[in-house]
All heavy atoms as atom14 arrays in JSON, in Angstrom:
{
  "sequence": "GQKCCTFQHWVYEKTNGNLLVTDLQGVGMKLT",
  "atom14_mask": [
    [1, 1, 1, 1, 0, 0, 0, 0, 0, 0, 0, 0, 0, 0],
    [1, 1, 1, 1, 1, 1, 1, 1, 1, 0, 0, 0, 0, 0],
    [1, 1, 1, 1, 1, 1, 1, 1, 1, 0, 0, 0, 0, 0],
    [1, 1, 1, 1, 1, 1, 0, 0, 0, 0, 0, 0, 0, 0],
    [1, 1, 1, 1, 1, 1, 0, 0, 0, 0, 0, 0, 0, 0],
    [1, 1, 1, 1, 1, 1, 1, 0, 0, 0, 0, 0, 0, 0],
    [1, 1, 1, 1, 1, 1, 1, 1, 1, 1, 1, 0, 0, 0],
    [1, 1, 1, 1, 1, 1, 1, 1, 1, 0, 0, 0, 0, 0],
    [1, 1, 1, 1, 1, 1, 1, 1, 1, 1, 0, 0, 0, 0],
    [1, 1, 1, 1, 1, 1, 1, 1, 1, 1, 1, 1, 1, 1],
    [1, 1, 1, 1, 1, 1, 1, 0, 0, 0, 0, 0, 0, 0],
    [1, 1, 1, 1, 1, 1, 1, 1, 1, 1, 1, 1, 0, 0],
    [1, 1, 1, 1, 1, 1, 1, 1, 1, 0, 0, 0, 0, 0],
    [1, 1, 1, 1, 1, 1, 1, 1, 1, 0, 0, 0, 0, 0],
    [1, 1, 1, 1, 1, 1, 1, 0, 0, 0, 0, 0, 0, 0],
    [1, 1, 1, 1, 1, 1, 1, 1, 0, 0, 0, 0, 0, 0],
    [1, 1, 1, 1, 0, 0, 0, 0, 0, 0, 0, 0, 0, 0],
    [1, 1, 1, 1, 1, 1, 1, 1, 0, 0, 0, 0, 0, 0],
    [1, 1, 1, 1, 1, 1, 1, 1, 0, 0, 0, 0, 0, 0],
    [1, 1, 1, 1, 1, 1, 1, 1, 0, 0, 0, 0, 0, 0],
    [1, 1, 1, 1, 1, 1, 1, 0, 0, 0, 0, 0, 0, 0],
    [1, 1, 1, 1, 1, 1, 1, 0, 0, 0, 0, 0, 0, 0],
    [1, 1, 1, 1, 1, 1, 1, 1, 0, 0, 0, 0, 0, 0],
    [1, 1, 1, 1, 1, 1, 1, 1, 0, 0, 0, 0, 0, 0],
    [1, 1, 1, 1, 1, 1, 1, 1, 1, 0, 0, 0, 0, 0],
    [1, 1, 1, 1, 0, 0, 0, 0, 0, 0, 0, 0, 0, 0],
    [1, 1, 1, 1, 1, 1, 1, 0, 0, 0, 0, 0, 0, 0],
    [1, 1, 1, 1, 0, 0, 0, 0, 0, 0, 0, 0, 0, 0],
    [1, 1, 1, 1, 1, 1, 1, 1, 0, 0, 0, 0, 0, 0],
    [1, 1, 1, 1, 1, 1, 1, 1, 1, 0, 0, 0, 0, 0],
    [1, 1, 1, 1, 1, 1, 1, 1, 0, 0, 0, 0, 0, 0],
    [1, 1, 1, 1, 1, 1, 1, 0, 0, 0, 0, 0, 0, 0]
  ],
  "atom14_positions": [
    [[89.13, -10.8, -54.0], [90.28, -10.47, -53.16], [91.11, -11.68, -52.81], [92.35, -11.65, -52.88], [0.0, 0.0, 0.0], [0.0, 0.0, 0.0], [0.0, 0.0, 0.0], [0.0, 0.0, 0.0], [0.0, 0.0, 0.0], [0.0, 0.0, 0.0], [0.0, 0.0, 0.0], [0.0, 0.0, 0.0], [0.0, 0.0, 0.0], [0.0, 0.0, 0.0]],
    [[90.46, -12.77, -52.43], [91.18, -13.99, -52.09], [91.91, -14.55, -53.31], [93.05, -15.01, -53.21], [90.22, -15.04, -51.52], [89.74, -14.7, -50.13], [88.83, -15.78, -49.57], [88.82, -16.9, -50.04], [88.07, -15.42, -48.55], [0.0, 0.0, 0.0], [0.0, 0.0, 0.0], [0.0, 0.0, 0.0], [0.0, 0.0, 0.0], [0.0, 0.0, 0.0]],
    [[91.27, -14.49, -54.47], [91.9, -15.01, -55.69], [93.07, -14.13, -56.12], [94.04, -14.63, -56.69], [90.87, -15.17, -56.79], [89.94, -16.34, -56.52], [88.9, -16.51, -57.6], [88.04, -17.74, -57.34], [86.98, -17.9, -58.34], [0.0, 0.0, 0.0], [0.0, 0.0, 0.0], [0.0, 0.0, 0.0], [0.0, 0.0, 0.0], [0.0, 0.0, 0.0]],
    [[92.99, -12.83, -55.84], [94.12, -11.94, -56.13], [95.31, -12.29, -55.22], [96.45, -12.33, -55.68], [93.72, -10.48, -55.94], [92.7, -9.82, -57.27], [0.0, 0.0, 0.0], [0.0, 0.0, 0.0], [0.0, 0.0, 0.0], [0.0, 0.0, 0.0], [0.0, 0.0, 0.0], [0.0, 0.0, 0.0], [0.0, 0.0, 0.0], [0.0, 0.0, 0.0]],
    [[95.02, -12.53, -53.94], [96.09, -12.91, -53.01], [96.71, -14.25, -53.43], [97.92, -14.43, -53.34], [95.55, -13.01, -51.59], [95.16, -11.41, -50.87], [0.0, 0.0, 0.0], [0.0, 0.0, 0.0], [0.0, 0.0, 0.0], [0.0, 0.0, 0.0], [0.0, 0.0, 0.0], [0.0, 0.0, 0.0], [0.0, 0.0, 0.0], [0.0, 0.0, 0.0]],
    [[95.87, -15.17, -53.89], [96.37, -16.46, -54.37], [97.23, -16.26, -55.62], [98.27, -16.9, -55.76], [95.21, -17.42, -54.66], [94.49, -17.64, -53.44], [95.7, -18.75, -55.19], [0.0, 0.0, 0.0], [0.0, 0.0, 0.0], [0.0, 0.0, 0.0], [0.0, 0.0, 0.0], [0.0, 0.0, 0.0], [0.0, 0.0, 0.0], [0.0, 0.0, 0.0]],
    [[96.81, -15.36, -56.5], [97.6, -15.06, -57.7], [98.98, -14.54, -57.29], [100.0, -14.96, -57.84], [96.87, -14.04, -58.58], [97.68, -13.51, -59.72], [98.23, -14.37, -60.67], [97.9, -12.15, -59.86], [98.98, -13.87, -61.73], [98.64, -11.65, -60.91], [99.19, -12.51, -61.85], [0.0, 0.0, 0.0], [0.0, 0.0, 0.0], [0.0, 0.0, 0.0]],
    [[99.02, -13.64, -56.31], [100.32, -13.13, -55.83], [101.19, -14.27, -55.32], [102.37, -14.34, -55.64], [100.1, -12.1, -54.72], [99.52, -10.8, -55.18], [99.43, -9.83, -54.03], [98.64, -10.01, -53.1], [100.24, -8.79, -54.07], [0.0, 0.0, 0.0], [0.0, 0.0, 0.0], [0.0, 0.0, 0.0], [0.0, 0.0, 0.0], [0.0, 0.0, 0.0]],
    [[100.6, -15.15, -54.52], [101.33, -16.29, -53.95], [101.82, -17.19, -55.08], [102.98, -17.65, -55.07], [100.4, -17.04, -53.0], [101.07, -18.13, -52.22], [100.45, -18.77, -51.18], [102.29, -18.71, -52.33], [101.26, -19.69, -50.68], [102.39, -19.68, -51.37], [0.0, 0.0, 0.0], [0.0, 0.0, 0.0], [0.0, 0.0, 0.0], [0.0, 0.0, 0.0]],
    [[100.97, -17.44, -56.06], [101.32, -18.31, -57.19], [102.52, -17.74, -57.96], [103.48, -18.45, -58.25], [100.11, -18.47, -58.11], [100.34, -19.3, -59.31], [100.23, -20.67, -59.42], [100.75, -18.84, -60.61], [100.53, -21.07, -60.7], [100.86, -19.97, -61.45], [101.02, -17.59, -61.14], [101.24, -19.88, -62.79], [101.4, -17.49, -62.48], [101.5, -18.64, -63.27]],
    [[102.49, -16.44, -58.27], [103.6, -15.79, -58.99], [104.87, -15.86, -58.15], [105.94, -16.19, -58.65], [103.27, -14.32, -59.35], [104.51, -13.58, -59.85], [102.17, -14.25, -60.4], [0.0, 0.0, 0.0], [0.0, 0.0, 0.0], [0.0, 0.0, 0.0], [0.0, 0.0, 0.0], [0.0, 0.0, 0.0], [0.0, 0.0, 0.0], [0.0, 0.0, 0.0]],
    [[104.74, -15.56, -56.87], [105.89, -15.59, -55.96], [106.53, -16.98, -55.99], [107.75, -17.11, -56.09], [105.42, -15.22, -54.55], [106.51, -15.29, -53.51], [107.37, -14.22, -53.3], [106.68, -16.44, -52.73], [108.37, -14.28, -52.34], [107.68, -16.51, -51.77], [108.52, -15.43, -51.59], [109.53, -15.5, -50.65], [0.0, 0.0, 0.0], [0.0, 0.0, 0.0]],
    [[105.71, -18.02, -55.9], [106.23, -19.39, -55.88], [106.81, -19.78, -57.24], [107.88, -20.38, -57.32], [105.13, -20.37, -55.47], [105.66, -21.76, -55.21], [104.63, -22.68, -54.58], [104.19, -22.39, -53.44], [104.28, -23.69, -55.22], [0.0, 0.0, 0.0], [0.0, 0.0, 0.0], [0.0, 0.0, 0.0], [0.0, 0.0, 0.0], [0.0, 0.0, 0.0]],
    [[106.13, -19.43, -58.34], [106.59, -19.79, -59.69], [107.93, -19.14, -60.04], [108.69, -19.66, -60.83], [105.56, -19.4, -60.75], [104.32, -20.25, -60.74], [104.62, -21.67, -61.15], [103.36, -22.52, -61.12], [103.6, -23.92, -61.32], [0.0, 0.0, 0.0], [0.0, 0.0, 0.0], [0.0, 0.0, 0.0], [0.0, 0.0, 0.0], [0.0, 0.0, 0.0]],
    [[108.2, -17.98, -59.44], [109.45, -17.26, -59.73], [110.47, -17.46, -58.61], [111.43, -16.7, -58.51], [109.18, -15.76, -59.95], [108.65, -15.19, -58.75], [108.24, -15.51, -61.12], [0.0, 0.0, 0.0], [0.0, 0.0, 0.0], [0.0, 0.0, 0.0], [0.0, 0.0, 0.0], [0.0, 0.0, 0.0], [0.0, 0.0, 0.0], [0.0, 0.0, 0.0]],
    [[110.23, -18.44, -57.75], [111.13, -18.73, -56.62], [111.37, -17.52, -55.73], [112.48, -17.29, -55.25], [112.47, -19.3, -57.14], [112.28, -20.61, -57.85], [111.58, -21.49, -57.36], [112.88, -20.74, -59.02], [0.0, 0.0, 0.0], [0.0, 0.0, 0.0], [0.0, 0.0, 0.0], [0.0, 0.0, 0.0], [0.0, 0.0, 0.0], [0.0, 0.0, 0.0]],
    [[110.34, -16.71, -55.54], [110.43, -15.55, -54.67], [111.15, -14.36, -55.28], [111.48, -13.41, -54.59], [0.0, 0.0, 0.0], [0.0, 0.0, 0.0], [0.0, 0.0, 0.0], [0.0, 0.0, 0.0], [0.0, 0.0, 0.0], [0.0, 0.0, 0.0], [0.0, 0.0, 0.0], [0.0, 0.0, 0.0], [0.0, 0.0, 0.0], [0.0, 0.0, 0.0]],
    [[111.36, -14.39, -56.58], [112.09, -13.31, -57.25], [111.2, -12.2, -57.8], [111.68, -11.13, -58.13], [112.91, -13.87, -58.42], [114.07, -14.68, -57.93], [115.0, -14.16, -57.34], [114.02, -15.99, -58.15], [0.0, 0.0, 0.0], [0.0, 0.0, 0.0], [0.0, 0.0, 0.0], [0.0, 0.0, 0.0], [0.0, 0.0, 0.0], [0.0, 0.0, 0.0]],
    [[109.89, -12.47, -57.91], [108.99, -11.5, -58.51], [107.63, -11.58, -57.82], [107.19, -12.66, -57.43], [108.83, -11.82, -60.01], [108.02, -10.84, -60.85], [108.66, -10.71, -62.23], [106.58, -11.28, -61.01], [0.0, 0.0, 0.0], [0.0, 0.0, 0.0], [0.0, 0.0, 0.0], [0.0, 0.0, 0.0], [0.0, 0.0, 0.0], [0.0, 0.0, 0.0]],
    [[106.99, -10.42, -57.66], [105.67, -10.36, -57.04], [104.83, -9.34, -57.8], [105.25, -8.2, -57.99], [105.79, -9.93, -55.58], [104.47, -9.79, -54.82], [103.84, -11.16, -54.56], [104.68, -9.05, -53.5], [0.0, 0.0, 0.0], [0.0, 0.0, 0.0], [0.0, 0.0, 0.0], [0.0, 0.0, 0.0], [0.0, 0.0, 0.0], [0.0, 0.0, 0.0]],
    [[103.65, -9.76, -58.25], [102.7, -8.82, -58.84], [101.94, -8.21, -57.66], [101.44, -8.93, -56.79], [101.73, -9.51, -59.81], [100.72, -8.51, -60.36], [102.5, -10.16, -60.95], [0.0, 0.0, 0.0], [0.0, 0.0, 0.0], [0.0, 0.0, 0.0], [0.0, 0.0, 0.0], [0.0, 0.0, 0.0], [0.0, 0.0, 0.0], [0.0, 0.0, 0.0]],
    [[101.89, -6.9, -57.61], [101.3, -6.22, -56.46], [100.42, -5.07, -56.92], [100.27, -4.83, -58.12], [102.41, -5.78, -55.49], [101.8, -5.29, -54.29], [103.31, -4.74, -56.08], [0.0, 0.0, 0.0], [0.0, 0.0, 0.0], [0.0, 0.0, 0.0], [0.0, 0.0, 0.0], [0.0, 0.0, 0.0], [0.0, 0.0, 0.0], [0.0, 0.0, 0.0]],
    [[99.85, -4.36, -56.0], [98.96, -3.24, -56.28], [97.78, -3.7, -57.15], [97.41, -3.03, -58.09], [99.74, -2.1, -56.94], [99.11, -0.74, -56.66], [98.29, -0.64, -55.74], [99.44, 0.21, -57.38], [0.0, 0.0, 0.0], [0.0, 0.0, 0.0], [0.0, 0.0, 0.0], [0.0, 0.0, 0.0], [0.0, 0.0, 0.0], [0.0, 0.0, 0.0]],
    [[97.22, -4.86, -56.82], [96.11, -5.4, -57.59], [94.84, -4.63, -57.26], [94.45, -4.51, -56.1], [95.93, -6.89, -57.29], [97.14, -7.77, -57.62], [96.92, -9.19, -57.15], [97.44, -7.73, -59.1], [0.0, 0.0, 0.0], [0.0, 0.0, 0.0], [0.0, 0.0, 0.0], [0.0, 0.0, 0.0], [0.0, 0.0, 0.0], [0.0, 0.0, 0.0]],
    [[94.2, -4.11, -58.3], [93.01, -3.29, -58.12], [92.17, -3.32, -59.38], [92.69, -3.56, -60.47], [93.42, -1.85, -57.79], [94.36, -1.24, -58.82], [95.0, 0.03, -58.32], [94.37, 0.8, -57.61], [96.24, 0.26, -58.68], [0.0, 0.0, 0.0], [0.0, 0.0, 0.0], [0.0, 0.0, 0.0], [0.0, 0.0, 0.0], [0.0, 0.0, 0.0]],
    [[90.89, -3.1, -59.22], [90.02, -3.09, -60.38], [88.57, -3.25, -59.99], [88.16, -2.96, -58.86], [0.0, 0.0, 0.0], [0.0, 0.0, 0.0], [0.0, 0.0, 0.0], [0.0, 0.0, 0.0], [0.0, 0.0, 0.0], [0.0, 0.0, 0.0], [0.0, 0.0, 0.0], [0.0, 0.0, 0.0], [0.0, 0.0, 0.0], [0.0, 0.0, 0.0]],
    [[87.78, -3.74, -60.94], [86.35, -3.95, -60.75], [86.08, -5.43, -60.89], [86.33, -6.01, -61.95], [85.53, -3.14, -61.78], [84.05, -3.44, -61.63], [85.8, -1.65, -61.63], [0.0, 0.0, 0.0], [0.0, 0.0, 0.0], [0.0, 0.0, 0.0], [0.0, 0.0, 0.0], [0.0, 0.0, 0.0], [0.0, 0.0, 0.0], [0.0, 0.0, 0.0]],
    [[85.62, -6.05, -59.81], [85.39, -7.49, -59.84], [86.68, -8.22, -60.13], [87.7, -8.0, -59.5], [0.0, 0.0, 0.0], [0.0, 0.0, 0.0], [0.0, 0.0, 0.0], [0.0, 0.0, 0.0], [0.0, 0.0, 0.0], [0.0, 0.0, 0.0], [0.0, 0.0, 0.0], [0.0, 0.0, 0.0], [0.0, 0.0, 0.0], [0.0, 0.0, 0.0]],
    [[86.64, -9.08, -61.16], [87.82, -9.88, -61.53], [88.67, -9.21, -62.6], [89.66, -9.77, -63.04], [87.38, -11.26, -62.03], [86.72, -12.11, -60.98], [87.92, -12.78, -59.81], [86.86, -13.85, -58.88], [0.0, 0.0, 0.0], [0.0, 0.0, 0.0], [0.0, 0.0, 0.0], [0.0, 0.0, 0.0], [0.0, 0.0, 0.0], [0.0, 0.0, 0.0]],
    [[88.31, -7.99, -63.03], [89.11, -7.28, -64.03], [90.02, -6.28, -63.32], [89.55, -5.38, -62.62], [88.22, -6.57, -65.04], [87.49, -7.54, -65.94], [87.0, -6.86, -67.18], [86.5, -7.92, -68.14], [86.4, -7.4, -69.48], [0.0, 0.0, 0.0], [0.0, 0.0, 0.0], [0.0, 0.0, 0.0], [0.0, 0.0, 0.0], [0.0, 0.0, 0.0]],
    [[91.33, -6.45, -63.51], [92.32, -5.67, -62.79], [93.1, -4.74, -63.72], [93.3, -5.05, -64.9], [93.31, -6.61, -62.08], [92.69, -7.7, -61.2], [93.77, -8.62, -60.68], [91.89, -7.09, -60.07], [0.0, 0.0, 0.0], [0.0, 0.0, 0.0], [0.0, 0.0, 0.0], [0.0, 0.0, 0.0], [0.0, 0.0, 0.0], [0.0, 0.0, 0.0]],
    [[93.57, -3.63, -63.17], [94.36, -2.66, -63.93], [95.35, -1.95, -63.01], [95.27, -2.05, -61.79], [93.45, -1.62, -64.61], [94.24, -0.77, -65.43], [92.69, -0.77, -63.6], [0.0, 0.0, 0.0], [0.0, 0.0, 0.0], [0.0, 0.0, 0.0], [0.0, 0.0, 0.0], [0.0, 0.0, 0.0], [0.0, 0.0, 0.0], [0.0, 0.0, 0.0]]
  ]
}
């Protein structure tokens, strides 16, 4: 969960706040 939140923050920063990956869900570290 923490790494998913960090991934969201990373994408947000890399795209200068223009894009956010959200609705992260899955089993362990595998998301869909």
